Each structure stands twice: as structure tokens, then as C-alpha cells.
Amino acid sequence: MAALSIVSIFMIVLDYAKRIDITAYPYNVFDNLILTIFTIDYFGRLIASKNKRKFIAGNIWDLLSIIPVNQIFYFFRVARVFRVFRLLKLLRLVRLIGLGYVRIIGVNSK
């Protein structure tokens, strides 16, 4: 998951730097694949969780980072409001930092 986070963040940075167009092929395929993997991971952990509310509260950044912000949602464009949601992808960085934090201090991630 950490490697996928790094790849995703790298692609987002390149997109904002206008080096690639993340909405164009083949980058959109990779971005959607990463989003799908993160979504499956999140909901898999949610289903396995005994306390759903506690899980959601403790993993709110993960939930926000999987909000889809691809071309399907451009239909709902209202004065570029959804560009802000693209920044939510950067929350994957927070998740990456959290993974490192868990490993460093030895906290059980369950």
C-alpha cells in the first residue's frame, strides 16, 4: 500500500506540474487502478472491523482519499468546485505517513 501511495502522489505532483495529464491514457488507467485497490482495502478492513464507527472515525483520512474525482464527476462541475476534491488525493500522503508511523513505533494497525 505504501508503494501505491508513493506512485499515486508522484503522479499527482507530475499532473499539477503539467508534466503529465492524469486524466489521459495511460495515466488514468493507473490512477483508477490505484483508487480501486485503495477502495477495496478500505472496505475490506471496514467489513472485518468489529466496531464500524470506531473504524470510520479512526480512518477518516483513508475514506477521504478514496473519494473518486475522475471524469465521471466532472458532469457535476459547478464553478470548478470539484478541483478542490482532486486535492483530496493528496491525503494518500497522510496515509503513507501513518503507515510509517505505525511501523516506527510498533503500533498494531488493527
PDB file of N, CA and C in Angstrom:
ATOM      1  N   MET A   1       0.825  -1.188   0.000  1.00  0.00           N
ATOM      2  CA  MET A   1       0.000   0.000   0.000  1.00  0.00           C
ATOM      3  C   MET A   1       0.876   1.262   0.000  1.00  0.00           C
ATOM      4  N   ALA A   2       1.996   1.180   0.693  1.00  0.00           N
ATOM      5  CA  ALA A   2       2.885   2.334   0.735  1.00  0.00           C
ATOM      6  C   ALA A   2       3.443   2.635  -0.655  1.00  0.00           C
ATOM      7  N   ALA A   3       3.802   1.591  -1.391  1.00  0.00           N
ATOM      8  CA  ALA A   3       4.336   1.800  -2.747  1.00  0.00           C
ATOM      9  C   ALA A   3       3.282   2.418  -3.657  1.00  0.00           C
ATOM     10  N   LEU A   4       2.040   1.960  -3.530  1.00  0.00           N
ATOM     11  CA  LEU A   4       0.957   2.542  -4.335  1.00  0.00           C
ATOM     12  C   LEU A   4       0.730   4.006  -3.968  1.00  0.00           C
ATOM     13  N   SER A   5       0.843   4.318  -2.686  1.00  0.00           N
ATOM     14  CA  SER A   5       0.696   5.710  -2.246  1.00  0.00           C
ATOM     15  C   SER A   5       1.762   6.589  -2.869  1.00  0.00           C
ATOM     16  N   ILE A   6       2.994   6.096  -2.892  1.00  0.00           N
ATOM     17  CA  ILE A   6       4.095   6.866  -3.465  1.00  0.00           C
ATOM     18  C   ILE A   6       3.886   7.084  -4.958  1.00  0.00           C
ATOM     19  N   VAL A   7       3.484   6.032  -5.671  1.00  0.00           N
ATOM     20  CA  VAL A   7       3.228   6.159  -7.106  1.00  0.00           C
ATOM     21  C   VAL A   7       2.106   7.157  -7.354  1.00  0.00           C
ATOM     22  N   SER A   8       1.043   7.062  -6.569  1.00  0.00           N
ATOM     23  CA  SER A   8      -0.090   7.964  -6.738  1.00  0.00           C
ATOM     24  C   SER A   8       0.307   9.420  -6.484  1.00  0.00           C
ATOM     25  N   ILE A   9       1.034   9.645  -5.425  1.00  0.00           N
ATOM     26  CA  ILE A   9       1.477  11.004  -5.094  1.00  0.00           C
ATOM     27  C   ILE A   9       2.398  11.541  -6.181  1.00  0.00           C
ATOM     28  N   PHE A  10       3.295  10.706  -6.673  1.00  0.00           N
ATOM     29  CA  PHE A  10       4.204  11.109  -7.744  1.00  0.00           C
ATOM     30  C   PHE A  10       3.417  11.523  -8.989  1.00  0.00           C
ATOM     31  N   MET A  11       2.395  10.739  -9.336  1.00  0.00           N
ATOM     32  CA  MET A  11       1.567  11.072 -10.499  1.00  0.00           C
ATOM     33  C   MET A  11       0.805  12.377 -10.286  1.00  0.00           C
ATOM     34  N   ILE A  12       0.317  12.601  -9.084  1.00  0.00           N
ATOM     35  CA  ILE A  12      -0.420  13.835  -8.786  1.00  0.00           C
ATOM     36  C   ILE A  12       0.497  15.042  -8.889  1.00  0.00           C
ATOM     37  N   VAL A  13       1.703  14.910  -8.353  1.00  0.00           N
ATOM     38  CA  VAL A  13       2.668  16.012  -8.426  1.00  0.00           C
ATOM     39  C   VAL A  13       3.013  16.322  -9.884  1.00  0.00           C
ATOM     40  N   LEU A  14       3.246  15.288 -10.679  1.00  0.00           N
ATOM     41  CA  LEU A  14       3.533  15.495 -12.099  1.00  0.00           C
ATOM     42  C   LEU A  14       2.353  16.125 -12.831  1.00  0.00           C
ATOM     43  N   ASP A  15       1.145  15.752 -12.439  1.00  0.00           N
ATOM     44  CA  ASP A  15      -0.052  16.338 -13.040  1.00  0.00           C
ATOM     45  C   ASP A  15      -0.153  17.823 -12.716  1.00  0.00           C
ATOM     46  N   TYR A  16       0.058  18.180 -11.456  1.00  0.00           N
ATOM     47  CA  TYR A  16       0.000  19.587 -11.073  1.00  0.00           C
ATOM     48  C   TYR A  16       1.144  20.390 -11.690  1.00  0.00           C
ATOM     49  N   ALA A  17       2.260  19.735 -11.955  1.00  0.00           N
ATOM     50  CA  ALA A  17       3.400  20.409 -12.605  1.00  0.00           C
ATOM     51  C   ALA A  17       3.230  20.451 -14.127  1.00  0.00           C
ATOM     52  N   LYS A  18       2.119  19.923 -14.614  1.00  0.00           N
ATOM     53  CA  LYS A  18       1.800  19.903 -16.052  1.00  0.00           C
ATOM     54  C   LYS A  18       2.790  19.061 -16.859  1.00  0.00           C
ATOM     55  N   ARG A  19       3.375  18.056 -16.222  1.00  0.00           N
ATOM     56  CA  ARG A  19       4.278  17.137 -16.929  1.00  0.00           C
ATOM     57  C   ARG A  19       3.504  15.983 -17.553  1.00  0.00           C
ATOM     58  N   ILE A  20       2.411  15.599 -16.895  1.00  0.00           N
ATOM     59  CA  ILE A  20       1.530  14.564 -17.438  1.00  0.00           C
ATOM     60  C   ILE A  20       0.092  15.041 -17.279  1.00  0.00           C
ATOM     61  N   ASP A  21      -0.809  14.399 -17.995  1.00  0.00           N
ATOM     62  CA  ASP A  21      -2.240  14.646 -17.820  1.00  0.00           C
ATOM     63  C   ASP A  21      -2.825  13.388 -17.211  1.00  0.00           C
ATOM     64  N   ILE A  22      -3.121  13.449 -15.925  1.00  0.00           N
ATOM     65  CA  ILE A  22      -3.556  12.265 -15.198  1.00  0.00           C
ATOM     66  C   ILE A  22      -4.925  11.774 -15.669  1.00  0.00           C
ATOM     67  N   THR A  23      -5.642  12.602 -16.417  1.00  0.00           N
ATOM     68  CA  THR A  23      -6.946  12.187 -16.930  1.00  0.00           C
ATOM     69  C   THR A  23      -6.834  11.522 -18.295  1.00  0.00           C
ATOM     70  N   ALA A  24      -5.621  11.471 -18.855  1.00  0.00           N
ATOM     71  CA  ALA A  24      -5.421  10.885 -20.183  1.00  0.00           C
ATOM     72  C   ALA A  24      -4.808   9.490 -20.053  1.00  0.00           C
ATOM     73  N   TYR A  25      -5.027   8.696 -21.085  1.00  0.00           N
ATOM     74  CA  TYR A  25      -4.462   7.348 -21.144  1.00  0.00           C
ATOM     75  C   TYR A  25      -2.945   7.447 -21.256  1.00  0.00           C
ATOM     76  N   PRO A  26      -2.174   6.680 -20.616  1.00  0.00           N
ATOM     77  CA  PRO A  26      -2.403   5.530 -19.743  1.00  0.00           C
ATOM     78  C   PRO A  26      -2.473   5.897 -18.263  1.00  0.00           C
ATOM     79  N   TYR A  27      -2.246   7.176 -17.947  1.00  0.00           N
ATOM     80  CA  TYR A  27      -2.194   7.589 -16.539  1.00  0.00           C
ATOM     81  C   TYR A  27      -3.528   7.399 -15.840  1.00  0.00           C
ATOM     82  N   ASN A  28      -4.625   7.624 -16.559  1.00  0.00           N
ATOM     83  CA  ASN A  28      -5.929   7.457 -15.928  1.00  0.00           C
ATOM     84  C   ASN A  28      -6.186   5.998 -15.560  1.00  0.00           C
ATOM     85  N   VAL A  29      -5.652   5.071 -16.331  1.00  0.00           N
ATOM     86  CA  VAL A  29      -5.808   3.648 -16.015  1.00  0.00           C
ATOM     87  C   VAL A  29      -5.081   3.321 -14.705  1.00  0.00           C
ATOM     88  N   PHE A  30      -3.854   3.793 -14.577  1.00  0.00           N
ATOM     89  CA  PHE A  30      -3.092   3.557 -13.352  1.00  0.00           C
ATOM     90  C   PHE A  30      -3.768   4.228 -12.152  1.00  0.00           C
ATOM     91  N   ASP A  31      -4.230   5.459 -12.340  1.00  0.00           N
ATOM     92  CA  ASP A  31      -4.880   6.187 -11.258  1.00  0.00           C
ATOM     93  C   ASP A  31      -6.149   5.470 -10.809  1.00  0.00           C
ATOM     94  N   ASN A  32      -6.954   5.019 -11.756  1.00  0.00           N
ATOM     95  CA  ASN A  32      -8.183   4.305 -11.405  1.00  0.00           C
ATOM     96  C   ASN A  32      -7.884   2.956 -10.762  1.00  0.00           C
ATOM     97  N   LEU A  33      -6.834   2.293 -11.199  1.00  0.00           N
ATOM     98  CA  LEU A  33      -6.444   1.022 -10.595  1.00  0.00           C
ATOM     99  C   LEU A  33      -6.016   1.222  -9.139  1.00  0.00           C
ATOM    100  N   ILE A  34      -5.224   2.243  -8.903  1.00  0.00           N
ATOM    101  CA  ILE A  34      -4.788   2.552  -7.536  1.00  0.00           C
ATOM    102  C   ILE A  34      -5.991   2.909  -6.676  1.00  0.00           C
ATOM    103  N   LEU A  35      -6.900   3.721  -7.203  1.00  0.00           N
ATOM    104  CA  LEU A  35      -8.109   4.087  -6.472  1.00  0.00           C
ATOM    105  C   LEU A  35      -8.930   2.842  -6.134  1.00  0.00           C
ATOM    106  N   THR A  36      -9.048   1.928  -7.070  1.00  0.00           N
ATOM    107  CA  THR A  36      -9.799   0.698  -6.845  1.00  0.00           C
ATOM    108  C   THR A  36      -9.162  -0.149  -5.753  1.00  0.00           C
ATOM    109  N   ILE A  37      -7.850  -0.263  -5.789  1.00  0.00           N
ATOM    110  CA  ILE A  37      -7.147  -1.050  -4.766  1.00  0.00           C
ATOM    111  C   ILE A  37      -7.322  -0.432  -3.384  1.00  0.00           C
ATOM    112  N   PHE A  38      -7.190   0.898  -3.290  1.00  0.00           N
ATOM    113  CA  PHE A  38      -7.390   1.569  -2.004  1.00  0.00           C
ATOM    114  C   PHE A  38      -8.825   1.399  -1.512  1.00  0.00           C
ATOM    115  N   THR A  39      -9.784   1.454  -2.430  1.00  0.00           N
ATOM    116  CA  THR A  39     -11.186   1.310  -2.056  1.00  0.00           C
ATOM    117  C   THR A  39     -11.471  -0.095  -1.543  1.00  0.00           C
ATOM    118  N   ILE A  40     -10.965  -1.100  -2.247  1.00  0.00           N
ATOM    119  CA  ILE A  40     -11.149  -2.488  -1.803  1.00  0.00           C
ATOM    120  C   ILE A  40     -10.490  -2.698  -0.442  1.00  0.00           C
ATOM    121  N   ASP A  41      -9.302  -2.146  -0.263  1.00  0.00           N
ATOM    122  CA  ASP A  41      -8.600  -2.264   1.014  1.00  0.00           C
ATOM    123  C   ASP A  41      -9.413  -1.628   2.141  1.00  0.00           C
ATOM    124  N   TYR A  42      -9.905  -0.415   1.904  1.00  0.00           N
ATOM    125  CA  TYR A  42     -10.657   0.296   2.941  1.00  0.00           C
ATOM    126  C   TYR A  42     -11.917  -0.469   3.332  1.00  0.00           C
ATOM    127  N   PHE A  43     -12.709  -0.846   2.327  1.00  0.00           N
ATOM    128  CA  PHE A  43     -13.967  -1.516   2.644  1.00  0.00           C
ATOM    129  C   PHE A  43     -13.742  -2.939   3.171  1.00  0.00           C
ATOM    130  N   GLY A  44     -12.674  -3.578   2.763  1.00  0.00           N
ATOM    131  CA  GLY A  44     -12.335  -4.880   3.329  1.00  0.00           C
ATOM    132  C   GLY A  44     -12.020  -4.764   4.806  1.00  0.00           C
ATOM    133  N   ARG A  45     -11.243  -3.754   5.160  1.00  0.00           N
ATOM    134  CA  ARG A  45     -10.925  -3.536   6.575  1.00  0.00           C
ATOM    135  C   ARG A  45     -12.164  -3.102   7.353  1.00  0.00           C
ATOM    136  N   LEU A  46     -13.040  -2.328   6.712  1.00  0.00           N
ATOM    137  CA  LEU A  46     -14.287  -1.903   7.365  1.00  0.00           C
ATOM    138  C   LEU A  46     -15.173  -3.110   7.663  1.00  0.00           C
ATOM    139  N   ILE A  47     -15.324  -3.994   6.695  1.00  0.00           N
ATOM    140  CA  ILE A  47     -16.155  -5.178   6.884  1.00  0.00           C
ATOM    141  C   ILE A  47     -15.574  -6.075   7.983  1.00  0.00           C
ATOM    142  N   ALA A  48     -14.263  -6.199   8.025  1.00  0.00           N
ATOM    143  CA  ALA A  48     -13.608  -7.044   9.032  1.00  0.00           C
ATOM    144  C   ALA A  48     -13.601  -6.411  10.425  1.00  0.00           C
ATOM    145  N   SER A  49     -13.839  -5.114  10.483  1.00  0.00           N
ATOM    146  CA  SER A  49     -13.802  -4.404  11.756  1.00  0.00           C
ATOM    147  C   SER A  49     -14.987  -4.793  12.641  1.00  0.00           C
ATOM    148  N   LYS A  50     -14.729  -4.926  13.915  1.00  0.00           N
ATOM    149  CA  LYS A  50     -15.796  -5.245  14.862  1.00  0.00           C
ATOM    150  C   LYS A  50     -16.606  -4.010  15.217  1.00  0.00           C
ATOM    151  N   ASN A  51     -15.942  -2.882  15.353  1.00  0.00           N
ATOM    152  CA  ASN A  51     -16.616  -1.630  15.694  1.00  0.00           C
ATOM    153  C   ASN A  51     -16.529  -0.691  14.490  1.00  0.00           C
ATOM    154  N   LYS A  52     -17.586  -0.644  13.700  1.00  0.00           N
ATOM    155  CA  LYS A  52     -17.593   0.115  12.444  1.00  0.00           C
ATOM    156  C   LYS A  52     -17.421   1.614  12.679  1.00  0.00           C
ATOM    157  N   ARG A  53     -18.098   2.152  13.662  1.00  0.00           N
ATOM    158  CA  ARG A  53     -17.995   3.599  13.933  1.00  0.00           C
ATOM    159  C   ARG A  53     -16.580   3.990  14.330  1.00  0.00           C
ATOM    160  N   LYS A  54     -15.987   3.192  15.188  1.00  0.00           N
ATOM    161  CA  LYS A  54     -14.612   3.470  15.615  1.00  0.00           C
ATOM    162  C   LYS A  54     -13.657   3.372  14.428  1.00  0.00           C
ATOM    163  N   PHE A  55     -13.886   2.373  13.567  1.00  0.00           N
ATOM    164  CA  PHE A  55     -13.044   2.220  12.383  1.00  0.00           C
ATOM    165  C   PHE A  55     -13.153   3.440  11.477  1.00  0.00           C
ATOM    166  N   ILE A  56     -14.375   3.891  11.207  1.00  0.00           N
ATOM    167  CA  ILE A  56     -14.571   5.052  10.326  1.00  0.00           C
ATOM    168  C   ILE A  56     -13.927   6.289  10.929  1.00  0.00           C
ATOM    169  N   ALA A  57     -14.133   6.493  12.220  1.00  0.00           N
ATOM    170  CA  ALA A  57     -13.540   7.662  12.883  1.00  0.00           C
ATOM    171  C   ALA A  57     -12.012   7.597  12.872  1.00  0.00           C
ATOM    172  N   GLY A  58     -11.471   6.409  13.025  1.00  0.00           N
ATOM    173  CA  GLY A  58     -10.017   6.256  13.063  1.00  0.00           C
ATOM    174  C   GLY A  58      -9.362   6.240  11.692  1.00  0.00           C
ATOM    175  N   ASN A  59     -10.164   6.092  10.658  1.00  0.00           N
ATOM    176  CA  ASN A  59      -9.634   6.004   9.295  1.00  0.00           C
ATOM    177  C   ASN A  59     -10.296   7.002   8.364  1.00  0.00           C
ATOM    178  N   ILE A  60     -10.639   8.156   8.896  1.00  0.00           N
ATOM    179  CA  ILE A  60     -11.339   9.171   8.100  1.00  0.00           C
ATOM    180  C   ILE A  60     -10.477   9.659   6.936  1.00  0.00           C
ATOM    181  N   TRP A  61      -9.170   9.741   7.121  1.00  0.00           N
ATOM    182  CA  TRP A  61      -8.291  10.203   6.043  1.00  0.00           C
ATOM    183  C   TRP A  61      -8.248   9.192   4.907  1.00  0.00           C
ATOM    184  N   ASP A  62      -8.303   7.924   5.262  1.00  0.00           N
ATOM    185  CA  ASP A  62      -8.364   6.889   4.227  1.00  0.00           C
ATOM    186  C   ASP A  62      -9.648   7.013   3.427  1.00  0.00           C
ATOM    187  N   LEU A  63     -10.749   7.259   4.122  1.00  0.00           N
ATOM    188  CA  LEU A  63     -12.040   7.406   3.448  1.00  0.00           C
ATOM    189  C   LEU A  63     -12.030   8.616   2.513  1.00  0.00           C
ATOM    190  N   LEU A  64     -11.510   9.727   2.991  1.00  0.00           N
ATOM    191  CA  LEU A  64     -11.469  10.932   2.150  1.00  0.00           C
ATOM    192  C   LEU A  64     -10.560  10.747   0.942  1.00  0.00           C
ATOM    193  N   SER A  65      -9.507   9.963   1.094  1.00  0.00           N
ATOM    194  CA  SER A  65      -8.574   9.798  -0.026  1.00  0.00           C
ATOM    195  C   SER A  65      -9.120   8.905  -1.134  1.00  0.00           C
ATOM    196  N   ILE A  66     -10.179   8.142  -0.859  1.00  0.00           N
ATOM    197  CA  ILE A  66     -10.728   7.282  -1.904  1.00  0.00           C
ATOM    198  C   ILE A  66     -11.960   7.865  -2.568  1.00  0.00           C
ATOM    199  N   ILE A  67     -12.307   9.102  -2.234  1.00  0.00           N
ATOM    200  CA  ILE A  67     -13.431   9.737  -2.918  1.00  0.00           C
ATOM    201  C   ILE A  67     -13.056   9.872  -4.388  1.00  0.00           C
ATOM    202  N   PRO A  68     -13.850   9.288  -5.261  1.00  0.00           N
ATOM    203  CA  PRO A  68     -13.489   9.340  -6.685  1.00  0.00           C
ATOM    204  C   PRO A  68     -13.609  10.749  -7.239  1.00  0.00           C
ATOM    205  N   VAL A  69     -12.595  11.170  -7.956  1.00  0.00           N
ATOM    206  CA  VAL A  69     -12.596  12.511  -8.539  1.00  0.00           C
ATOM    207  C   VAL A  69     -12.205  12.436 -10.006  1.00  0.00           C
ATOM    208  N   ASN A  70     -12.708  11.440 -10.681  1.00  0.00           N
ATOM    209  CA  ASN A  70     -12.350  11.279 -12.083  1.00  0.00           C
ATOM    210  C   ASN A  70     -13.364  11.959 -12.990  1.00  0.00           C
ATOM    211  N   GLN A  71     -13.301  11.685 -14.258  1.00  0.00           N
ATOM    212  CA  GLN A  71     -14.097  12.393 -15.247  1.00  0.00           C
ATOM    213  C   GLN A  71     -15.594  12.180 -15.090  1.00  0.00           C
ATOM    214  N   ILE A  72     -16.007  11.098 -14.473  1.00  0.00           N
ATOM    215  CA  ILE A  72     -17.434  10.876 -14.254  1.00  0.00           C
ATOM    216  C   ILE A  72     -18.033  12.023 -13.452  1.00  0.00           C
ATOM    217  N   PHE A  73     -17.288  12.538 -12.496  1.00  0.00           N
ATOM    218  CA  PHE A  73     -17.802  13.572 -11.625  1.00  0.00           C
ATOM    219  C   PHE A  73     -17.665  14.977 -12.209  1.00  0.00           C
ATOM    220  N   TYR A  74     -17.014  15.119 -13.348  1.00  0.00           N
ATOM    221  CA  TYR A  74     -16.957  16.421 -13.990  1.00  0.00           C
ATOM    222  C   TYR A  74     -18.329  16.835 -14.506  1.00  0.00           C
ATOM    223  N   PHE A  75     -19.230  15.880 -14.626  1.00  0.00           N
ATOM    224  CA  PHE A  75     -20.605  16.178 -15.014  1.00  0.00           C
ATOM    225  C   PHE A  75     -21.235  17.141 -14.011  1.00  0.00           C
ATOM    226  N   PHE A  76     -20.844  16.996 -12.747  1.00  0.00           N
ATOM    227  CA  PHE A  76     -21.406  17.808 -11.678  1.00  0.00           C
ATOM    228  C   PHE A  76     -20.602  19.086 -11.420  1.00  0.00           C
ATOM    229  N   ARG A  77     -19.787  19.476 -12.371  1.00  0.00           N
ATOM    230  CA  ARG A  77     -18.914  20.634 -12.193  1.00  0.00           C
ATOM    231  C   ARG A  77     -19.739  21.895 -11.942  1.00  0.00           C
ATOM    232  N   VAL A  78     -19.425  22.568 -10.858  1.00  0.00           N
ATOM    233  CA  VAL A  78     -20.075  23.829 -10.519  1.00  0.00           C
ATOM    234  C   VAL A  78     -18.961  24.800 -10.187  1.00  0.00           C
ATOM    235  N   ALA A  79     -18.638  25.639 -11.145  1.00  0.00           N
ATOM    236  CA  ALA A  79     -17.643  26.694 -10.961  1.00  0.00           C
ATOM    237  C   ALA A  79     -16.325  26.165 -10.394  1.00  0.00           C
ATOM    238  N   ARG A  80     -15.885  25.014 -10.893  1.00  0.00           N
ATOM    239  CA  ARG A  80     -14.596  24.420 -10.535  1.00  0.00           C
ATOM    240  C   ARG A  80     -14.487  23.964  -9.083  1.00  0.00           C
ATOM    241  N   VAL A  81     -15.605  23.740  -8.442  1.00  0.00           N
ATOM    242  CA  VAL A  81     -15.587  23.304  -7.049  1.00  0.00           C
ATOM    243  C   VAL A  81     -14.914  21.944  -6.923  1.00  0.00           C
ATOM    244  N   PHE A  82     -15.108  21.088  -7.910  1.00  0.00           N
ATOM    245  CA  PHE A  82     -14.577  19.742  -7.805  1.00  0.00           C
ATOM    246  C   PHE A  82     -13.070  19.672  -7.996  1.00  0.00           C
ATOM    247  N   ARG A  83     -12.450  20.757  -8.396  1.00  0.00           N
ATOM    248  CA  ARG A  83     -10.977  20.761  -8.441  1.00  0.00           C
ATOM    249  C   ARG A  83     -10.404  20.628  -7.045  1.00  0.00           C
ATOM    250  N   VAL A  84     -11.138  21.152  -6.076  1.00  0.00           N
ATOM    251  CA  VAL A  84     -10.703  21.035  -4.689  1.00  0.00           C
ATOM    252  C   VAL A  84     -10.648  19.560  -4.294  1.00  0.00           C
ATOM    253  N   PHE A  85     -11.601  18.774  -4.785  1.00  0.00           N
ATOM    254  CA  PHE A  85     -11.624  17.358  -4.443  1.00  0.00           C
ATOM    255  C   PHE A  85     -10.413  16.619  -5.005  1.00  0.00           C
ATOM    256  N   ARG A  86      -9.821  17.115  -6.074  1.00  0.00           N
ATOM    257  CA  ARG A  86      -8.608  16.479  -6.588  1.00  0.00           C
ATOM    258  C   ARG A  86      -7.500  16.546  -5.555  1.00  0.00           C
ATOM    259  N   LEU A  87      -7.531  17.602  -4.755  1.00  0.00           N
ATOM    260  CA  LEU A  87      -6.517  17.720  -3.706  1.00  0.00           C
ATOM    261  C   LEU A  87      -6.673  16.636  -2.647  1.00  0.00           C
ATOM    262  N   LEU A  88      -7.872  16.075  -2.550  1.00  0.00           N
ATOM    263  CA  LEU A  88      -8.080  15.009  -1.576  1.00  0.00           C
ATOM    264  C   LEU A  88      -7.220  13.790  -1.882  1.00  0.00           C
ATOM    265  N   LYS A  89      -6.822  13.644  -3.120  1.00  0.00           N
ATOM    266  CA  LYS A  89      -5.934  12.532  -3.457  1.00  0.00           C
ATOM    267  C   LYS A  89      -4.609  12.662  -2.711  1.00  0.00           C
ATOM    268  N   LEU A  90      -4.248  13.887  -2.400  1.00  0.00           N
ATOM    269  CA  LEU A  90      -3.004  14.085  -1.659  1.00  0.00           C
ATOM    270  C   LEU A  90      -3.104  13.523  -0.242  1.00  0.00           C
ATOM    271  N   LEU A  91      -4.321  13.216   0.187  1.00  0.00           N
ATOM    272  CA  LEU A  91      -4.468  12.603   1.503  1.00  0.00           C
ATOM    273  C   LEU A  91      -3.828  11.224   1.540  1.00  0.00           C
ATOM    274  N   ARG A  92      -3.533  10.661   0.391  1.00  0.00           N
ATOM    275  CA  ARG A  92      -2.819   9.392   0.365  1.00  0.00           C
ATOM    276  C   ARG A  92      -1.449   9.558   1.007  1.00  0.00           C
ATOM    277  N   LEU A  93      -0.915  10.778   0.934  1.00  0.00           N
ATOM    278  CA  LEU A  93       0.349  11.062   1.603  1.00  0.00           C
ATOM    279  C   LEU A  93       0.186  10.903   3.110  1.00  0.00           C
ATOM    280  N   VAL A  94      -0.936  11.387   3.633  1.00  0.00           N
ATOM    281  CA  VAL A  94      -1.202  11.251   5.066  1.00  0.00           C
ATOM    282  C   VAL A  94      -1.261   9.782   5.435  1.00  0.00           C
ATOM    283  N   ARG A  95      -1.880   8.987   4.585  1.00  0.00           N
ATOM    284  CA  ARG A  95      -1.957   7.556   4.847  1.00  0.00           C
ATOM    285  C   ARG A  95      -0.560   6.943   4.834  1.00  0.00           C
ATOM    286  N   LEU A  96       0.261   7.361   3.890  1.00  0.00           N
ATOM    287  CA  LEU A  96       1.621   6.851   3.801  1.00  0.00           C
ATOM    288  C   LEU A  96       2.397   7.206   5.066  1.00  0.00           C
ATOM    289  N   ILE A  97       2.250   8.429   5.520  1.00  0.00           N
ATOM    290  CA  ILE A  97       2.927   8.851   6.749  1.00  0.00           C
ATOM    291  C   ILE A  97       2.416   8.029   7.925  1.00  0.00           C
ATOM    292  N   GLY A  98       1.109   7.762   7.945  1.00  0.00           N
ATOM    293  CA  GLY A  98       0.529   6.947   9.016  1.00  0.00           C
ATOM    294  C   GLY A  98       1.076   5.541   9.015  1.00  0.00           C
ATOM    295  N   LEU A  99       1.280   4.961   7.831  1.00  0.00           N
ATOM    296  CA  LEU A  99       1.860   3.620   7.749  1.00  0.00           C
ATOM    297  C   LEU A  99       3.266   3.609   8.326  1.00  0.00           C
ATOM    298  N   GLY A 100       4.036   4.631   8.027  1.00  0.00           N
ATOM    299  CA  GLY A 100       5.391   4.725   8.564  1.00  0.00           C
ATOM    300  C   GLY A 100       5.391   4.910  10.059  1.00  0.00           C
ATOM    301  N   TYR A 101       4.452   5.710  10.548  1.00  0.00           N
ATOM    302  CA  TYR A 101       4.333   5.955  11.975  1.00  0.00           C
ATOM    303  C   TYR A 101       4.011   4.673  12.715  1.00  0.00           C
ATOM    304  N   VAL A 102       3.111   3.876  12.167  1.00  0.00           N
ATOM    305  CA  VAL A 102       2.725   2.614  12.797  1.00  0.00           C
ATOM    306  C   VAL A 102       3.917   1.675  12.863  1.00  0.00           C
ATOM    307  N   ARG A 103       4.694   1.602  11.801  1.00  0.00           N
ATOM    308  CA  ARG A 103       5.841   0.707  11.774  1.00  0.00           C
ATOM    309  C   ARG A 103       6.960   1.175  12.713  1.00  0.00           C
ATOM    310  N   ILE A 104       7.133   2.491  12.809  1.00  0.00           N
ATOM    311  CA  ILE A 104       8.222   3.022  13.624  1.00  0.00           C
ATOM    312  C   ILE A 104       7.974   2.780  15.102  1.00  0.00           C
ATOM    313  N   ILE A 105       6.749   3.075  15.562  1.00  0.00           N
ATOM    314  CA  ILE A 105       6.503   2.950  16.994  1.00  0.00           C
ATOM    315  C   ILE A 105       5.957   1.572  17.365  1.00  0.00           C
ATOM    316  N   GLY A 106       5.667   0.745  16.364  1.00  0.00           N
ATOM    317  CA  GLY A 106       5.240  -0.622  16.640  1.00  0.00           C
ATOM    318  C   GLY A 106       3.795  -0.739  17.063  1.00  0.00           C
ATOM    319  N   VAL A 107       2.949   0.200  16.658  1.00  0.00           N
ATOM    320  CA  VAL A 107       1.540   0.154  16.998  1.00  0.00           C
ATOM    321  C   VAL A 107       0.864  -0.886  16.129  1.00  0.00           C
ATOM    322  N   ASN A 108      -0.016  -1.655  16.723  1.00  0.00           N
ATOM    323  CA  ASN A 108      -0.790  -2.639  15.986  1.00  0.00           C
ATOM    324  C   ASN A 108      -1.846  -1.900  15.174  1.00  0.00           C
ATOM    325  N   SER A 109      -1.881  -2.111  13.854  1.00  0.00           N
ATOM    326  CA  SER A 109      -2.775  -1.337  12.992  1.00  0.00           C
ATOM    327  C   SER A 109      -4.216  -1.798  13.068  1.00  0.00           C
ATOM    328  N   LYS A 110      -4.506  -2.843  13.797  1.00  0.00           N
ATOM    329  CA  LYS A 110      -5.900  -3.304  13.930  1.00  0.00           C
ATOM    330  C   LYS A 110      -6.489  -2.662  15.092  1.00  0.00           C
TER     331      LYS A 110
END
